[in-house]
Protein backbone atom coordinates (compact mmCIF):
# COMPACT_ATOMS: atom_id res chain seq x y z
CA MET A 1 65.32 197.85 161.52
CA ASP A 2 67.71 198.43 164.41
CA ASP A 3 66.75 199.34 167.96
CA SER A 4 67.54 203.05 167.64
CA GLN A 5 65.30 203.33 164.56
CA ILE A 6 62.50 201.49 166.38
CA LEU A 7 62.82 203.85 169.35
CA THR A 8 62.85 206.91 167.08
CA ASN A 9 59.74 205.71 165.22
CA LEU A 10 58.00 204.96 168.52
CA ILE A 11 58.68 208.47 169.80
CA ILE A 12 57.47 210.03 166.54
CA VAL A 13 54.33 207.87 166.59
CA ILE A 14 53.54 208.85 170.19
CA VAL A 15 54.12 212.58 169.55
CA THR A 16 52.02 212.43 166.37
CA PHE A 17 49.26 210.64 168.26
CA PHE A 18 49.14 213.49 170.79
CA PHE A 19 49.03 216.05 167.96
CA ALA A 20 46.08 214.17 166.46
CA ALA A 21 44.37 214.12 169.86
CA PHE A 22 44.96 217.86 170.22
CA PHE A 23 43.37 218.62 166.85
CA VAL A 24 40.39 216.35 167.55
CA ALA A 25 39.84 217.95 170.96
CA SER A 26 40.09 221.41 169.37
CA GLU A 27 37.49 220.44 166.79
CA PHE A 28 35.08 219.18 169.45
CA ALA A 29 35.61 222.32 171.54
CA LEU A 30 34.91 224.60 168.59
CA VAL A 31 31.76 222.74 167.61
CA GLN A 32 30.37 222.57 171.15
CA THR A 33 30.97 226.21 172.06
CA ARG A 34 28.03 228.59 171.69
CA ALA A 35 28.74 232.16 170.66
CA SER A 36 25.90 233.40 172.86
CA ALA A 37 27.50 231.87 175.95
CA LEU A 38 30.80 233.55 175.11
CA GLU A 39 29.08 236.90 174.57
CA GLU A 40 27.41 236.59 177.97
CA ARG A 41 30.72 235.75 179.66
CA LYS A 42 32.33 238.73 177.95
CA LYS A 43 29.55 241.05 179.11
CA ASN A 44 29.83 239.80 182.71
CA LEU A 45 33.62 240.13 182.67
CA GLU A 46 33.50 243.67 181.30
CA GLU A 47 30.97 244.69 183.95
CA ALA A 48 33.13 243.24 186.70
CA LYS A 49 36.63 244.26 185.60
CA GLY A 50 36.47 246.73 182.72
CA LYS A 51 36.82 246.45 178.97
CA ASN A 52 40.55 245.94 178.38
CA THR A 53 41.33 242.97 180.56
CA LYS A 54 43.37 239.97 179.51
CA GLY A 55 40.28 237.79 179.86
CA SER A 56 38.25 239.94 177.48
CA LYS A 57 41.00 239.68 174.85
CA LYS A 58 40.86 235.90 175.11
CA LEU A 59 37.09 235.95 174.90
CA ASN A 60 37.26 238.16 171.80
CA ARG A 61 39.57 235.61 170.19
CA GLU A 62 37.24 232.77 171.18
CA ILE A 63 34.22 234.62 169.79
CA HIS A 64 36.10 235.22 166.54
CA MET A 65 36.92 231.52 166.29
CA VAL A 66 33.31 230.45 166.88
CA THR A 67 31.87 232.97 164.44
CA ASN A 68 34.41 231.97 161.74
CA LEU A 69 33.96 228.27 162.40
CA ASN A 70 34.61 227.03 158.85
CA GLU A 71 38.17 228.36 158.78
CA TYR A 72 39.10 226.83 162.10
CA LEU A 73 37.38 223.50 161.47
CA SER A 74 39.25 223.22 158.18
CA THR A 75 42.50 223.77 160.05
CA THR A 76 41.69 221.07 162.59
CA GLN A 77 40.72 218.66 159.80
CA VAL A 78 44.04 219.25 158.03
CA GLY A 79 45.86 218.61 161.32
CA VAL A 80 43.95 215.38 161.96
CA SER A 81 44.50 214.17 158.40
CA LEU A 82 48.20 214.99 158.43
CA ALA A 83 48.66 213.25 161.76
CA GLY A 84 46.80 210.21 160.41
CA ILE A 85 49.04 210.03 157.35
CA ILE A 86 52.18 210.24 159.49
CA LEU A 87 50.82 207.64 161.91
CA GLY A 88 50.00 205.31 159.04
CA TYR A 89 53.37 205.74 157.35
CA LEU A 90 55.55 205.30 160.43
CA GLY A 91 53.19 203.27 162.56
CA GLU A 92 52.81 200.49 159.99
CA SER A 93 56.53 199.71 159.84
CA PHE A 94 56.80 199.99 163.61
CA VAL A 95 53.89 197.60 164.26
CA VAL A 96 55.13 195.11 161.65
CA THR A 97 58.61 195.11 163.21
CA ILE A 98 57.19 194.51 166.67
CA LEU A 99 54.84 191.75 165.48
CA VAL A 100 57.60 190.00 163.54
CA ASP A 101 59.82 190.08 166.62
CA VAL A 102 57.03 188.82 168.88
CA MET A 103 55.97 186.05 166.50
CA GLU A 104 59.60 185.29 165.57
CA ILE A 105 58.82 185.25 161.85
CA HIS A 106 61.89 185.54 159.64
């Protein structure tokens, strides 16, 4: 494996790692968020600023996500799994190449 291929694989592995981290963080955020807390924030925002504010649209989307949790958790699980497959496929060859170079095994 030449240097340009190693660099390309490293970049892909790093980007994929951040995608995996994004999906895991999204999953934790969805699970930890309470619909009642979002409803209360929405009520307070509407009392303060009116019903059709940008913040209330975001809160409506968040409430929809929390109330339809199964759909969104499935999506995050697919993202985590796909990122793991890509990391395993490209990361294995990258790590082996680095270890062989470090250990000078031919």
